[in-house]
Amino acid sequence: MMSDLKGKIANARFSKRELLGFKDQLRALKKIYHPNLTDKLTLQRLIQEEAKKSIVMTRYYFVAIILFTLATLIFGEWSYLYMPAGMLFFALLDIRSSAREANRTIKCQVKLMKLAVTLWF
């Protein structure tokens, strides 16, 4: 299980700078919380949790995009395409704000989102 997680993290191709950022985050968490709470927290687990958190809200936007696109195809009204475009805009804003909140680049946030999807399968 852990080697599988390591392999998936390695395939996400995080840069050294991004991995050092996760390591700093791990160090800060271990400094803040009691050692009993963080004794099983490793770098791999931290990256796994951050990947899961990265896709929480964005997946709802993508579901909405798919549903509104299907509605456009079913009803044949091309004017309905403004909704998927609007949802895509809000999804991109969510990705950007999540990256800024966590002091990451958008590229790193997208890598975390890809990792979250690969962790499902």
PDB file of N, CA and C in Angstrom:
ATOM      1  N   MET A   1       0.828  -1.197   0.000  1.00  0.00           N
ATOM      2  CA  MET A   1       0.000   0.000   0.000  1.00  0.00           C
ATOM      3  C   MET A   1       0.869   1.257   0.000  1.00  0.00           C
ATOM      4  N   MET A   2       1.853   1.300   0.917  1.00  0.00           N
ATOM      5  CA  MET A   2       2.697   2.488   1.011  1.00  0.00           C
ATOM      6  C   MET A   2       3.591   2.625  -0.216  1.00  0.00           C
ATOM      7  N   SER A   3       4.110   1.496  -0.743  1.00  0.00           N
ATOM      8  CA  SER A   3       4.961   1.573  -1.935  1.00  0.00           C
ATOM      9  C   SER A   3       4.130   1.991  -3.148  1.00  0.00           C
ATOM     10  N   ASP A   4       2.853   1.560  -3.177  1.00  0.00           N
ATOM     11  CA  ASP A   4       1.955   1.981  -4.245  1.00  0.00           C
ATOM     12  C   ASP A   4       1.727   3.494  -4.179  1.00  0.00           C
ATOM     13  N   LEU A   5       1.556   4.012  -2.962  1.00  0.00           N
ATOM     14  CA  LEU A   5       1.387   5.452  -2.756  1.00  0.00           C
ATOM     15  C   LEU A   5       2.644   6.206  -3.178  1.00  0.00           C
ATOM     16  N   LYS A   6       3.807   5.665  -2.823  1.00  0.00           N
ATOM     17  CA  LYS A   6       5.074   6.297  -3.223  1.00  0.00           C
ATOM     18  C   LYS A   6       5.205   6.337  -4.740  1.00  0.00           C
ATOM     19  N   GLY A   7       4.813   5.263  -5.389  1.00  0.00           N
ATOM     20  CA  GLY A   7       4.886   5.207  -6.848  1.00  0.00           C
ATOM     21  C   GLY A   7       3.968   6.225  -7.500  1.00  0.00           C
ATOM     22  N   LYS A   8       2.761   6.359  -6.967  1.00  0.00           N
ATOM     23  CA  LYS A   8       1.820   7.329  -7.526  1.00  0.00           C
ATOM     24  C   LYS A   8       2.295   8.764  -7.292  1.00  0.00           C
ATOM     25  N   ILE A   9       2.891   9.012  -6.134  1.00  0.00           N
ATOM     26  CA  ILE A   9       3.436  10.346  -5.865  1.00  0.00           C
ATOM     27  C   ILE A   9       4.615  10.627  -6.782  1.00  0.00           C
ATOM     28  N   ALA A  10       5.445   9.614  -7.012  1.00  0.00           N
ATOM     29  CA  ALA A  10       6.585   9.783  -7.915  1.00  0.00           C
ATOM     30  C   ALA A  10       6.116  10.058  -9.340  1.00  0.00           C
ATOM     31  N   ASN A  11       5.020   9.403  -9.757  1.00  0.00           N
ATOM     32  CA  ASN A  11       4.484   9.628 -11.102  1.00  0.00           C
ATOM     33  C   ASN A  11       3.834  10.993 -11.259  1.00  0.00           C
ATOM     34  N   ALA A  12       3.513  11.654 -10.141  1.00  0.00           N
ATOM     35  CA  ALA A  12       2.930  12.993 -10.211  1.00  0.00           C
ATOM     36  C   ALA A  12       3.978  14.033 -10.612  1.00  0.00           C
ATOM     37  N   ARG A  13       5.240  13.669 -10.502  1.00  0.00           N
ATOM     38  CA  ARG A  13       6.369  14.497 -10.938  1.00  0.00           C
ATOM     39  C   ARG A  13       6.399  15.877 -10.279  1.00  0.00           C
ATOM     40  N   PHE A  14       6.334  15.877  -8.946  1.00  0.00           N
ATOM     41  CA  PHE A  14       6.502  17.122  -8.216  1.00  0.00           C
ATOM     42  C   PHE A  14       7.957  17.558  -8.308  1.00  0.00           C
ATOM     43  N   SER A  15       8.167  18.843  -8.407  1.00  0.00           N
ATOM     44  CA  SER A  15       9.537  19.357  -8.460  1.00  0.00           C
ATOM     45  C   SER A  15      10.137  19.323  -7.052  1.00  0.00           C
ATOM     46  N   LYS A  16      11.442  19.505  -6.982  1.00  0.00           N
ATOM     47  CA  LYS A  16      12.107  19.524  -5.678  1.00  0.00           C
ATOM     48  C   LYS A  16      11.570  20.650  -4.816  1.00  0.00           C
ATOM     49  N   ARG A  17      11.311  21.781  -5.436  1.00  0.00           N
ATOM     50  CA  ARG A  17      10.787  22.935  -4.700  1.00  0.00           C
ATOM     51  C   ARG A  17       9.408  22.629  -4.109  1.00  0.00           C
ATOM     52  N   GLU A  18       8.565  21.945  -4.885  1.00  0.00           N
ATOM     53  CA  GLU A  18       7.236  21.584  -4.392  1.00  0.00           C
ATOM     54  C   GLU A  18       7.331  20.572  -3.257  1.00  0.00           C
ATOM     55  N   LEU A  19       8.226  19.595  -3.393  1.00  0.00           N
ATOM     56  CA  LEU A  19       8.408  18.606  -2.336  1.00  0.00           C
ATOM     57  C   LEU A  19       8.977  19.243  -1.070  1.00  0.00           C
ATOM     58  N   LEU A  20       9.875  20.206  -1.229  1.00  0.00           N
ATOM     59  CA  LEU A  20      10.394  20.913  -0.061  1.00  0.00           C
ATOM     60  C   LEU A  20       9.291  21.723   0.620  1.00  0.00           C
ATOM     61  N   GLY A  21       8.365  22.261  -0.169  1.00  0.00           N
ATOM     62  CA  GLY A  21       7.227  22.975   0.402  1.00  0.00           C
ATOM     63  C   GLY A  21       6.356  22.044   1.238  1.00  0.00           C
ATOM     64  N   PHE A  22       6.138  20.816   0.748  1.00  0.00           N
ATOM     65  CA  PHE A  22       5.375  19.840   1.525  1.00  0.00           C
ATOM     66  C   PHE A  22       6.134  19.443   2.784  1.00  0.00           C
ATOM     67  N   LYS A  23       7.463  19.336   2.664  1.00  0.00           N
ATOM     68  CA  LYS A  23       8.276  18.975   3.825  1.00  0.00           C
ATOM     69  C   LYS A  23       8.221  20.076   4.883  1.00  0.00           C
ATOM     70  N   ASP A  24       8.249  21.337   4.449  1.00  0.00           N
ATOM     71  CA  ASP A  24       8.123  22.451   5.388  1.00  0.00           C
ATOM     72  C   ASP A  24       6.752  22.438   6.062  1.00  0.00           C
ATOM     73  N   GLN A  25       5.718  22.119   5.281  1.00  0.00           N
ATOM     74  CA  GLN A  25       4.372  22.034   5.835  1.00  0.00           C
ATOM     75  C   GLN A  25       4.292  20.916   6.875  1.00  0.00           C
ATOM     76  N   LEU A  26       4.920  19.777   6.593  1.00  0.00           N
ATOM     77  CA  LEU A  26       4.950  18.660   7.532  1.00  0.00           C
ATOM     78  C   LEU A  26       5.668  19.070   8.818  1.00  0.00           C
ATOM     79  N   ARG A  27       6.783  19.742   8.671  1.00  0.00           N
ATOM     80  CA  ARG A  27       7.554  20.189   9.832  1.00  0.00           C
ATOM     81  C   ARG A  27       6.725  21.151  10.689  1.00  0.00           C
ATOM     82  N   ALA A  28       6.005  22.054  10.023  1.00  0.00           N
ATOM     83  CA  ALA A  28       5.173  23.001  10.759  1.00  0.00           C
ATOM     84  C   ALA A  28       4.035  22.292  11.493  1.00  0.00           C
ATOM     85  N   LEU A  29       3.424  21.311  10.861  1.00  0.00           N
ATOM     86  CA  LEU A  29       2.347  20.561  11.515  1.00  0.00           C
ATOM     87  C   LEU A  29       2.864  19.794  12.722  1.00  0.00           C
ATOM     88  N   LYS A  30       4.036  19.202  12.593  1.00  0.00           N
ATOM     89  CA  LYS A  30       4.610  18.454  13.712  1.00  0.00           C
ATOM     90  C   LYS A  30       5.012  19.376  14.854  1.00  0.00           C
ATOM     91  N   LYS A  31       5.343  20.619  14.526  1.00  0.00           N
ATOM     92  CA  LYS A  31       5.703  21.576  15.560  1.00  0.00           C
ATOM     93  C   LYS A  31       4.453  22.079  16.292  1.00  0.00           C
ATOM     94  N   ILE A  32       3.356  22.228  15.583  1.00  0.00           N
ATOM     95  CA  ILE A  32       2.129  22.786  16.162  1.00  0.00           C
ATOM     96  C   ILE A  32       1.388  21.756  17.015  1.00  0.00           C
ATOM     97  N   TYR A  33       1.225  20.543  16.485  1.00  0.00           N
ATOM     98  CA  TYR A  33       0.398  19.549  17.147  1.00  0.00           C
ATOM     99  C   TYR A  33       1.217  18.626  18.042  1.00  0.00           C
ATOM    100  N   HIS A  34       0.558  18.016  18.973  1.00  0.00           N
ATOM    101  CA  HIS A  34       1.176  17.098  19.921  1.00  0.00           C
ATOM    102  C   HIS A  34       1.772  15.904  19.170  1.00  0.00           C
ATOM    103  N   PRO A  35       2.914  15.393  19.622  1.00  0.00           N
ATOM    104  CA  PRO A  35       3.551  14.259  18.943  1.00  0.00           C
ATOM    105  C   PRO A  35       2.655  13.020  18.831  1.00  0.00           C
ATOM    106  N   ASN A  36       1.737  12.826  19.776  1.00  0.00           N
ATOM    107  CA  ASN A  36       0.829  11.672  19.687  1.00  0.00           C
ATOM    108  C   ASN A  36      -0.106  11.794  18.482  1.00  0.00           C
ATOM    109  N   LEU A  37      -0.415  13.012  18.077  1.00  0.00           N
ATOM    110  CA  LEU A  37      -1.297  13.223  16.933  1.00  0.00           C
ATOM    111  C   LEU A  37      -0.575  13.111  15.598  1.00  0.00           C
ATOM    112  N   THR A  38       0.713  13.371  15.601  1.00  0.00           N
ATOM    113  CA  THR A  38       1.457  13.412  14.340  1.00  0.00           C
ATOM    114  C   THR A  38       2.486  12.306  14.202  1.00  0.00           C
ATOM    115  N   ASP A  39       2.461  11.320  15.085  1.00  0.00           N
ATOM    116  CA  ASP A  39       3.494  10.280  15.016  1.00  0.00           C
ATOM    117  C   ASP A  39       3.374   9.416  13.768  1.00  0.00           C
ATOM    118  N   LYS A  40       2.188   9.262  13.214  1.00  0.00           N
ATOM    119  CA  LYS A  40       2.013   8.457  11.997  1.00  0.00           C
ATOM    120  C   LYS A  40       1.927   9.307  10.740  1.00  0.00           C
ATOM    121  N   LEU A  41       2.108  10.596  10.896  1.00  0.00           N
ATOM    122  CA  LEU A  41       2.048  11.493   9.736  1.00  0.00           C
ATOM    123  C   LEU A  41       3.405  11.511   9.030  1.00  0.00           C
ATOM    124  N   THR A  42       3.410  11.053   7.793  1.00  0.00           N
ATOM    125  CA  THR A  42       4.626  11.044   6.987  1.00  0.00           C
ATOM    126  C   THR A  42       4.441  12.011   5.818  1.00  0.00           C
ATOM    127  N   LEU A  43       5.497  12.225   5.095  1.00  0.00           N
ATOM    128  CA  LEU A  43       5.431  13.103   3.929  1.00  0.00           C
ATOM    129  C   LEU A  43       4.451  12.547   2.892  1.00  0.00           C
ATOM    130  N   GLN A  44       4.483  11.235   2.699  1.00  0.00           N
ATOM    131  CA  GLN A  44       3.576  10.625   1.732  1.00  0.00           C
ATOM    132  C   GLN A  44       2.116  10.799   2.158  1.00  0.00           C
ATOM    133  N   ARG A  45       1.825  10.611   3.432  1.00  0.00           N
ATOM    134  CA  ARG A  45       0.455  10.782   3.931  1.00  0.00           C
ATOM    135  C   ARG A  45       0.006  12.231   3.816  1.00  0.00           C
ATOM    136  N   LEU A  46       0.911  13.151   4.081  1.00  0.00           N
ATOM    137  CA  LEU A  46       0.575  14.569   3.959  1.00  0.00           C
ATOM    138  C   LEU A  46       0.227  14.911   2.511  1.00  0.00           C
ATOM    139  N   ILE A  47       1.041  14.433   1.582  1.00  0.00           N
ATOM    140  CA  ILE A  47       0.768  14.700   0.164  1.00  0.00           C
ATOM    141  C   ILE A  47      -0.543  14.048  -0.249  1.00  0.00           C
ATOM    142  N   GLN A  48      -0.822  12.853   0.252  1.00  0.00           N
ATOM    143  CA  GLN A  48      -2.077  12.171  -0.053  1.00  0.00           C
ATOM    144  C   GLN A  48      -3.269  12.994   0.462  1.00  0.00           C
ATOM    145  N   GLU A  49      -3.182  13.486   1.673  1.00  0.00           N
ATOM    146  CA  GLU A  49      -4.277  14.285   2.237  1.00  0.00           C
ATOM    147  C   GLU A  49      -4.447  15.609   1.492  1.00  0.00           C
ATOM    148  N   GLU A  50      -3.341  16.234   1.124  1.00  0.00           N
ATOM    149  CA  GLU A  50      -3.420  17.491   0.371  1.00  0.00           C
ATOM    150  C   GLU A  50      -4.030  17.252  -1.007  1.00  0.00           C
ATOM    151  N   ALA A  51      -3.728  16.105  -1.603  1.00  0.00           N
ATOM    152  CA  ALA A  51      -4.318  15.773  -2.900  1.00  0.00           C
ATOM    153  C   ALA A  51      -5.820  15.589  -2.766  1.00  0.00           C
ATOM    154  N   LYS A  52      -6.250  14.909  -1.722  1.00  0.00           N
ATOM    155  CA  LYS A  52      -7.687  14.716  -1.506  1.00  0.00           C
ATOM    156  C   LYS A  52      -8.391  16.047  -1.276  1.00  0.00           C
ATOM    157  N   LYS A  53      -7.754  16.923  -0.506  1.00  0.00           N
ATOM    158  CA  LYS A  53      -8.359  18.237  -0.245  1.00  0.00           C
ATOM    159  C   LYS A  53      -8.403  19.106  -1.493  1.00  0.00           C
ATOM    160  N   SER A  54      -7.479  18.902  -2.409  1.00  0.00           N
ATOM    161  CA  SER A  54      -7.386  19.768  -3.584  1.00  0.00           C
ATOM    162  C   SER A  54      -8.554  19.603  -4.543  1.00  0.00           C
ATOM    163  N   ILE A  55      -9.217  18.477  -4.480  1.00  0.00           N
ATOM    164  CA  ILE A  55     -10.254  18.198  -5.468  1.00  0.00           C
ATOM    165  C   ILE A  55     -11.663  18.212  -4.863  1.00  0.00           C
ATOM    166  N   VAL A  56     -11.773  18.555  -3.593  1.00  0.00           N
ATOM    167  CA  VAL A  56     -13.067  18.498  -2.908  1.00  0.00           C
ATOM    168  C   VAL A  56     -14.129  19.334  -3.611  1.00  0.00           C
ATOM    169  N   MET A  57     -13.911  20.609  -3.783  1.00  0.00           N
ATOM    170  CA  MET A  57     -14.927  21.478  -4.382  1.00  0.00           C
ATOM    171  C   MET A  57     -14.908  21.435  -5.903  1.00  0.00           C
ATOM    172  N   THR A  58     -13.752  21.271  -6.479  1.00  0.00           N
ATOM    173  CA  THR A  58     -13.625  21.340  -7.932  1.00  0.00           C
ATOM    174  C   THR A  58     -14.392  20.227  -8.627  1.00  0.00           C
ATOM    175  N   ARG A  59     -14.495  19.085  -8.002  1.00  0.00           N
ATOM    176  CA  ARG A  59     -15.213  17.985  -8.643  1.00  0.00           C
ATOM    177  C   ARG A  59     -16.682  18.310  -8.852  1.00  0.00           C
ATOM    178  N   TYR A  60     -17.269  19.120  -7.984  1.00  0.00           N
ATOM    179  CA  TYR A  60     -18.669  19.514  -8.173  1.00  0.00           C
ATOM    180  C   TYR A  60     -18.829  20.420  -9.390  1.00  0.00           C
ATOM    181  N   TYR A  61     -17.843  21.272  -9.623  1.00  0.00           N
ATOM    182  CA  TYR A  61     -17.887  22.114 -10.814  1.00  0.00           C
ATOM    183  C   TYR A  61     -17.834  21.253 -12.078  1.00  0.00           C
ATOM    184  N   PHE A  62     -16.975  20.237 -12.073  1.00  0.00           N
ATOM    185  CA  PHE A  62     -16.855  19.401 -13.261  1.00  0.00           C
ATOM    186  C   PHE A  62     -18.102  18.552 -13.493  1.00  0.00           C
ATOM    187  N   VAL A  63     -18.744  18.121 -12.422  1.00  0.00           N
ATOM    188  CA  VAL A  63     -20.010  17.406 -12.574  1.00  0.00           C
ATOM    189  C   VAL A  63     -21.059  18.341 -13.169  1.00  0.00           C
ATOM    190  N   ALA A  64     -21.090  19.586 -12.689  1.00  0.00           N
ATOM    191  CA  ALA A  64     -22.039  20.564 -13.225  1.00  0.00           C
ATOM    192  C   ALA A  64     -21.750  20.853 -14.702  1.00  0.00           C
ATOM    193  N   ILE A  65     -20.494  20.938 -15.063  1.00  0.00           N
ATOM    194  CA  ILE A  65     -20.129  21.171 -16.467  1.00  0.00           C
ATOM    195  C   ILE A  65     -20.654  20.028 -17.342  1.00  0.00           C
ATOM    196  N   ILE A  66     -20.461  18.802 -16.888  1.00  0.00           N
ATOM    197  CA  ILE A  66     -20.935  17.644 -17.660  1.00  0.00           C
ATOM    198  C   ILE A  66     -22.461  17.649 -17.774  1.00  0.00           C
ATOM    199  N   LEU A  67     -23.143  17.922 -16.664  1.00  0.00           N
ATOM    200  CA  LEU A  67     -24.606  17.923 -16.694  1.00  0.00           C
ATOM    201  C   LEU A  67     -25.162  19.022 -17.597  1.00  0.00           C
ATOM    202  N   PHE A  68     -24.601  20.221 -17.513  1.00  0.00           N
ATOM    203  CA  PHE A  68     -25.086  21.307 -18.360  1.00  0.00           C
ATOM    204  C   PHE A  68     -24.750  21.070 -19.833  1.00  0.00           C
ATOM    205  N   THR A  69     -23.623  20.439 -20.098  1.00  0.00           N
ATOM    206  CA  THR A  69     -23.291  20.099 -21.484  1.00  0.00           C
ATOM    207  C   THR A  69     -24.257  19.048 -22.025  1.00  0.00           C
ATOM    208  N   LEU A  70     -24.584  18.064 -21.192  1.00  0.00           N
ATOM    209  CA  LEU A  70     -25.570  17.062 -21.602  1.00  0.00           C
ATOM    210  C   LEU A  70     -26.939  17.697 -21.845  1.00  0.00           C
ATOM    211  N   ALA A  71     -27.319  18.651 -20.995  1.00  0.00           N
ATOM    212  CA  ALA A  71     -28.598  19.343 -21.185  1.00  0.00           C
ATOM    213  C   ALA A  71     -28.602  20.106 -22.504  1.00  0.00           C
ATOM    214  N   THR A  72     -27.474  20.695 -22.852  1.00  0.00           N
ATOM    215  CA  THR A  72     -27.362  21.404 -24.127  1.00  0.00           C
ATOM    216  C   THR A  72     -27.550  20.443 -25.287  1.00  0.00           C
ATOM    217  N   LEU A  73     -26.923  19.273 -25.194  1.00  0.00           N
ATOM    218  CA  LEU A  73     -27.040  18.286 -26.269  1.00  0.00           C
ATOM    219  C   LEU A  73     -28.454  17.702 -26.350  1.00  0.00           C
ATOM    220  N   ILE A  74     -29.061  17.454 -25.203  1.00  0.00           N
ATOM    221  CA  ILE A  74     -30.403  16.858 -25.188  1.00  0.00           C
ATOM    222  C   ILE A  74     -31.447  17.825 -25.732  1.00  0.00           C
ATOM    223  N   PHE A  75     -31.412  19.070 -25.269  1.00  0.00           N
ATOM    224  CA  PHE A  75     -32.430  20.038 -25.665  1.00  0.00           C
ATOM    225  C   PHE A  75     -32.106  20.758 -26.971  1.00  0.00           C
ATOM    226  N   GLY A  76     -30.887  20.645 -27.414  1.00  0.00           N
ATOM    227  CA  GLY A  76     -30.512  21.250 -28.689  1.00  0.00           C
ATOM    228  C   GLY A  76     -30.467  22.769 -28.676  1.00  0.00           C
ATOM    229  N   GLU A  77     -30.464  23.355 -27.507  1.00  0.00           N
ATOM    230  CA  GLU A  77     -30.380  24.814 -27.384  1.00  0.00           C
ATOM    231  C   GLU A  77     -28.918  25.201 -27.132  1.00  0.00           C
ATOM    232  N   TRP A  78     -28.277  25.747 -28.125  1.00  0.00           N
ATOM    233  CA  TRP A  78     -26.864  26.090 -28.003  1.00  0.00           C
ATOM    234  C   TRP A  78     -26.641  27.284 -27.092  1.00  0.00           C
ATOM    235  N   SER A  79     -27.696  28.002 -26.798  1.00  0.00           N
ATOM    236  CA  SER A  79     -27.553  29.118 -25.866  1.00  0.00           C
ATOM    237  C   SER A  79     -27.315  28.616 -24.436  1.00  0.00           C
ATOM    238  N   TYR A  80     -27.582  27.338 -24.187  1.00  0.00           N
ATOM    239  CA  TYR A  80     -27.328  26.767 -22.862  1.00  0.00           C
ATOM    240  C   TYR A  80     -25.833  26.558 -22.590  1.00  0.00           C
ATOM    241  N   LEU A  81     -25.005  26.735 -23.602  1.00  0.00           N
ATOM    242  CA  LEU A  81     -23.566  26.520 -23.419  1.00  0.00           C
ATOM    243  C   LEU A  81     -22.903  27.565 -22.533  1.00  0.00           C
ATOM    244  N   TYR A  82     -23.614  28.631 -22.216  1.00  0.00           N
ATOM    245  CA  TYR A  82     -23.008  29.620 -21.332  1.00  0.00           C
ATOM    246  C   TYR A  82     -22.838  29.051 -19.916  1.00  0.00           C
ATOM    247  N   MET A  83     -23.689  28.125 -19.516  1.00  0.00           N
ATOM    248  CA  MET A  83     -23.580  27.545 -18.173  1.00  0.00           C
ATOM    249  C   MET A  83     -22.313  26.695 -17.999  1.00  0.00           C
ATOM    250  N   PRO A  84     -21.994  25.775 -18.924  1.00  0.00           N
ATOM    251  CA  PRO A  84     -20.733  25.042 -18.751  1.00  0.00           C
ATOM    252  C   PRO A  84     -19.519  25.977 -18.789  1.00  0.00           C
ATOM    253  N   ALA A  85     -19.598  27.008 -19.633  1.00  0.00           N
ATOM    254  CA  ALA A  85     -18.484  27.957 -19.689  1.00  0.00           C
ATOM    255  C   ALA A  85     -18.365  28.721 -18.376  1.00  0.00           C
ATOM    256  N   GLY A  86     -19.495  29.099 -17.810  1.00  0.00           N
ATOM    257  CA  GLY A  86     -19.481  29.783 -16.511  1.00  0.00           C
ATOM    258  C   GLY A  86     -18.961  28.889 -15.407  1.00  0.00           C
ATOM    259  N   MET A  87     -19.376  27.636 -15.413  1.00  0.00           N
ATOM    260  CA  MET A  87     -18.897  26.691 -14.400  1.00  0.00           C
ATOM    261  C   MET A  87     -17.394  26.435 -14.548  1.00  0.00           C
ATOM    262  N   LEU A  88     -16.912  26.376 -15.776  1.00  0.00           N
ATOM    263  CA  LEU A  88     -15.480  26.212 -15.998  1.00  0.00           C
ATOM    264  C   LEU A  88     -14.709  27.409 -15.451  1.00  0.00           C
ATOM    265  N   PHE A  89     -15.250  28.591 -15.653  1.00  0.00           N
ATOM    266  CA  PHE A  89     -14.628  29.807 -15.119  1.00  0.00           C
ATOM    267  C   PHE A  89     -14.541  29.726 -13.592  1.00  0.00           C
ATOM    268  N   PHE A  90     -15.643  29.321 -12.951  1.00  0.00           N
ATOM    269  CA  PHE A  90     -15.634  29.224 -11.491  1.00  0.00           C
ATOM    270  C   PHE A  90     -14.729  28.106 -10.995  1.00  0.00           C
ATOM    271  N   ALA A  91     -14.616  27.026 -11.755  1.00  0.00           N
ATOM    272  CA  ALA A  91     -13.700  25.948 -11.386  1.00  0.00           C
ATOM    273  C   ALA A  91     -12.253  26.439 -11.431  1.00  0.00           C
ATOM    274  N   LEU A  92     -11.913  27.197 -12.456  1.00  0.00           N
ATOM    275  CA  LEU A  92     -10.553  27.745 -12.556  1.00  0.00           C
ATOM    276  C   LEU A  92     -10.279  28.739 -11.439  1.00  0.00           C
ATOM    277  N   LEU A  93     -11.277  29.539 -11.088  1.00  0.00           N
ATOM    278  CA  LEU A  93     -11.112  30.459  -9.954  1.00  0.00           C
ATOM    279  C   LEU A  93     -10.901  29.692  -8.648  1.00  0.00           C
ATOM    280  N   ASP A  94     -11.622  28.593  -8.487  1.00  0.00           N
ATOM    281  CA  ASP A  94     -11.476  27.785  -7.284  1.00  0.00           C
ATOM    282  C   ASP A  94     -10.081  27.178  -7.205  1.00  0.00           C
ATOM    283  N   ILE A  95      -9.575  26.688  -8.324  1.00  0.00           N
ATOM    284  CA  ILE A  95      -8.219  26.123  -8.353  1.00  0.00           C
ATOM    285  C   ILE A  95      -7.199  27.194  -7.992  1.00  0.00           C
ATOM    286  N   ARG A  96      -7.361  28.370  -8.580  1.00  0.00           N
ATOM    287  CA  ARG A  96      -6.434  29.472  -8.304  1.00  0.00           C
ATOM    288  C   ARG A  96      -6.474  29.900  -6.841  1.00  0.00           C
ATOM    289  N   SER A  97      -7.680  30.030  -6.280  1.00  0.00           N
ATOM    290  CA  SER A  97      -7.779  30.476  -4.890  1.00  0.00           C
ATOM    291  C   SER A  97      -7.276  29.405  -3.922  1.00  0.00           C
ATOM    292  N   SER A  98      -7.501  28.132  -4.242  1.00  0.00           N
ATOM    293  CA  SER A  98      -6.986  27.054  -3.393  1.00  0.00           C
ATOM    294  C   SER A  98      -5.465  27.036  -3.401  1.00  0.00           C
ATOM    295  N   ALA A  99      -4.885  27.273  -4.563  1.00  0.00           N
ATOM    296  CA  ALA A  99      -3.418  27.306  -4.658  1.00  0.00           C
ATOM    297  C   ALA A  99      -2.852  28.485  -3.870  1.00  0.00           C
ATOM    298  N   ARG A 100      -3.472  29.630  -4.002  1.00  0.00           N
ATOM    299  CA  ARG A 100      -2.989  30.800  -3.257  1.00  0.00           C
ATOM    300  C   ARG A 100      -3.123  30.617  -1.760  1.00  0.00           C
ATOM    301  N   GLU A 101      -4.229  30.031  -1.338  1.00  0.00           N
ATOM    302  CA  GLU A 101      -4.478  29.820   0.087  1.00  0.00           C
ATOM    303  C   GLU A 101      -3.427  28.912   0.703  1.00  0.00           C
ATOM    304  N   ALA A 102      -2.970  27.937  -0.052  1.00  0.00           N
ATOM    305  CA  ALA A 102      -1.986  26.979   0.451  1.00  0.00           C
ATOM    306  C   ALA A 102      -0.551  27.381   0.097  1.00  0.00           C
ATOM    307  N   ASN A 103      -0.364  28.568  -0.462  1.00  0.00           N
ATOM    308  CA  ASN A 103       0.961  29.058  -0.866  1.00  0.00           C
ATOM    309  C   ASN A 103       1.638  28.118  -1.850  1.00  0.00           C
ATOM    310  N   ARG A 104       0.871  27.697  -2.853  1.00  0.00           N
ATOM    311  CA  ARG A 104       1.388  26.827  -3.912  1.00  0.00           C
ATOM    312  C   ARG A 104       1.204  27.511  -5.256  1.00  0.00           C
ATOM    313  N   THR A 105       1.878  26.954  -6.240  1.00  0.00           N
ATOM    314  CA  THR A 105       1.641  27.416  -7.601  1.00  0.00           C
ATOM    315  C   THR A 105       0.415  26.697  -8.152  1.00  0.00           C
ATOM    316  N   ILE A 106      -0.165  27.235  -9.185  1.00  0.00           N
ATOM    317  CA  ILE A 106      -1.316  26.600  -9.816  1.00  0.00           C
ATOM    318  C   ILE A 106      -0.896  25.261 -10.414  1.00  0.00           C
ATOM    319  N   LYS A 107       0.319  25.214 -10.931  1.00  0.00           N
ATOM    320  CA  LYS A 107       0.843  23.968 -11.505  1.00  0.00           C
ATOM    321  C   LYS A 107       0.911  22.866 -10.448  1.00  0.00           C
ATOM    322  N   CYS A 108       1.350  23.204  -9.244  1.00  0.00           N
ATOM    323  CA  CYS A 108       1.416  22.231  -8.158  1.00  0.00           C
ATOM    324  C   CYS A 108       0.007  21.802  -7.751  1.00  0.00           C
ATOM    325  N   GLN A 109      -0.917  22.736  -7.738  1.00  0.00           N
ATOM    326  CA  GLN A 109      -2.300  22.409  -7.388  1.00  0.00           C
ATOM    327  C   GLN A 109      -2.910  21.439  -8.400  1.00  0.00           C
ATOM    328  N   VAL A 110      -2.615  21.661  -9.679  1.00  0.00           N
ATOM    329  CA  VAL A 110      -3.120  20.762 -10.722  1.00  0.00           C
ATOM    330  C   VAL A 110      -2.484  19.379 -10.575  1.00  0.00           C
ATOM    331  N   LYS A 111      -1.202  19.333 -10.227  1.00  0.00           N
ATOM    332  CA  LYS A 111      -0.548  18.043  -9.998  1.00  0.00           C
ATOM    333  C   LYS A 111      -1.200  17.305  -8.834  1.00  0.00           C
ATOM    334  N   LEU A 112      -1.554  18.035  -7.775  1.00  0.00           N
ATOM    335  CA  LEU A 112      -2.241  17.418  -6.646  1.00  0.00           C
ATOM    336  C   LEU A 112      -3.605  16.879  -7.068  1.00  0.00           C
ATOM    337  N   MET A 113      -4.297  17.623  -7.927  1.00  0.00           N
ATOM    338  CA  MET A 113      -5.603  17.176  -8.405  1.00  0.00           C
ATOM    339  C   MET A 113      -5.472  15.906  -9.250  1.00  0.00           C
ATOM    340  N   LYS A 114      -4.456  15.855 -10.102  1.00  0.00           N
ATOM    341  CA  LYS A 114      -4.212  14.649 -10.897  1.00  0.00           C
ATOM    342  C   LYS A 114      -3.891  13.469  -9.983  1.00  0.00           C
ATOM    343  N   LEU A 115      -3.090  13.730  -8.962  1.00  0.00           N
ATOM    344  CA  LEU A 115      -2.747  12.670  -8.008  1.00  0.00           C
ATOM    345  C   LEU A 115      -4.003  12.167  -7.294  1.00  0.00           C
ATOM    346  N   ALA A 116      -4.902  13.071  -6.941  1.00  0.00           N
ATOM    347  CA  ALA A 116      -6.140  12.655  -6.280  1.00  0.00           C
ATOM    348  C   ALA A 116      -6.960  11.742  -7.177  1.00  0.00           C
ATOM    349  N   VAL A 117      -7.003  12.042  -8.447  1.00  0.00           N
ATOM    350  CA  VAL A 117      -7.746  11.198  -9.391  1.00  0.00           C
ATOM    351  C   VAL A 117      -7.068   9.825  -9.511  1.00  0.00           C
ATOM    352  N   THR A 118      -5.740   9.808  -9.592  1.00  0.00           N
ATOM    353  CA  THR A 118      -5.041   8.510  -9.696  1.00  0.00           C
ATOM    354  C   THR A 118      -5.149   7.706  -8.411  1.00  0.00           C
ATOM    355  N   LEU A 119      -5.307   8.360  -7.278  1.00  0.00           N
ATOM    356  CA  LEU A 119      -5.472   7.624  -6.026  1.00  0.00           C
ATOM    357  C   LEU A 119      -6.819   6.918  -5.957  1.00  0.00           C
ATOM    358  N   TRP A 120      -7.795   7.395  -6.700  1.00  0.00           N
ATOM    359  CA  TRP A 120      -9.108   6.739  -6.743  1.00  0.00           C
ATOM    360  C   TRP A 120      -9.032   5.410  -7.475  1.00  0.00           C
ATOM    361  N   PHE A 121      -8.122   5.307  -8.451  1.00  0.00           N
ATOM    362  CA  PHE A 121      -8.072   4.116  -9.310  1.00  0.00           C
ATOM    363  C   PHE A 121      -6.886   3.249  -9.039  1.00  0.00           C
TER     364      PHE A 121
END
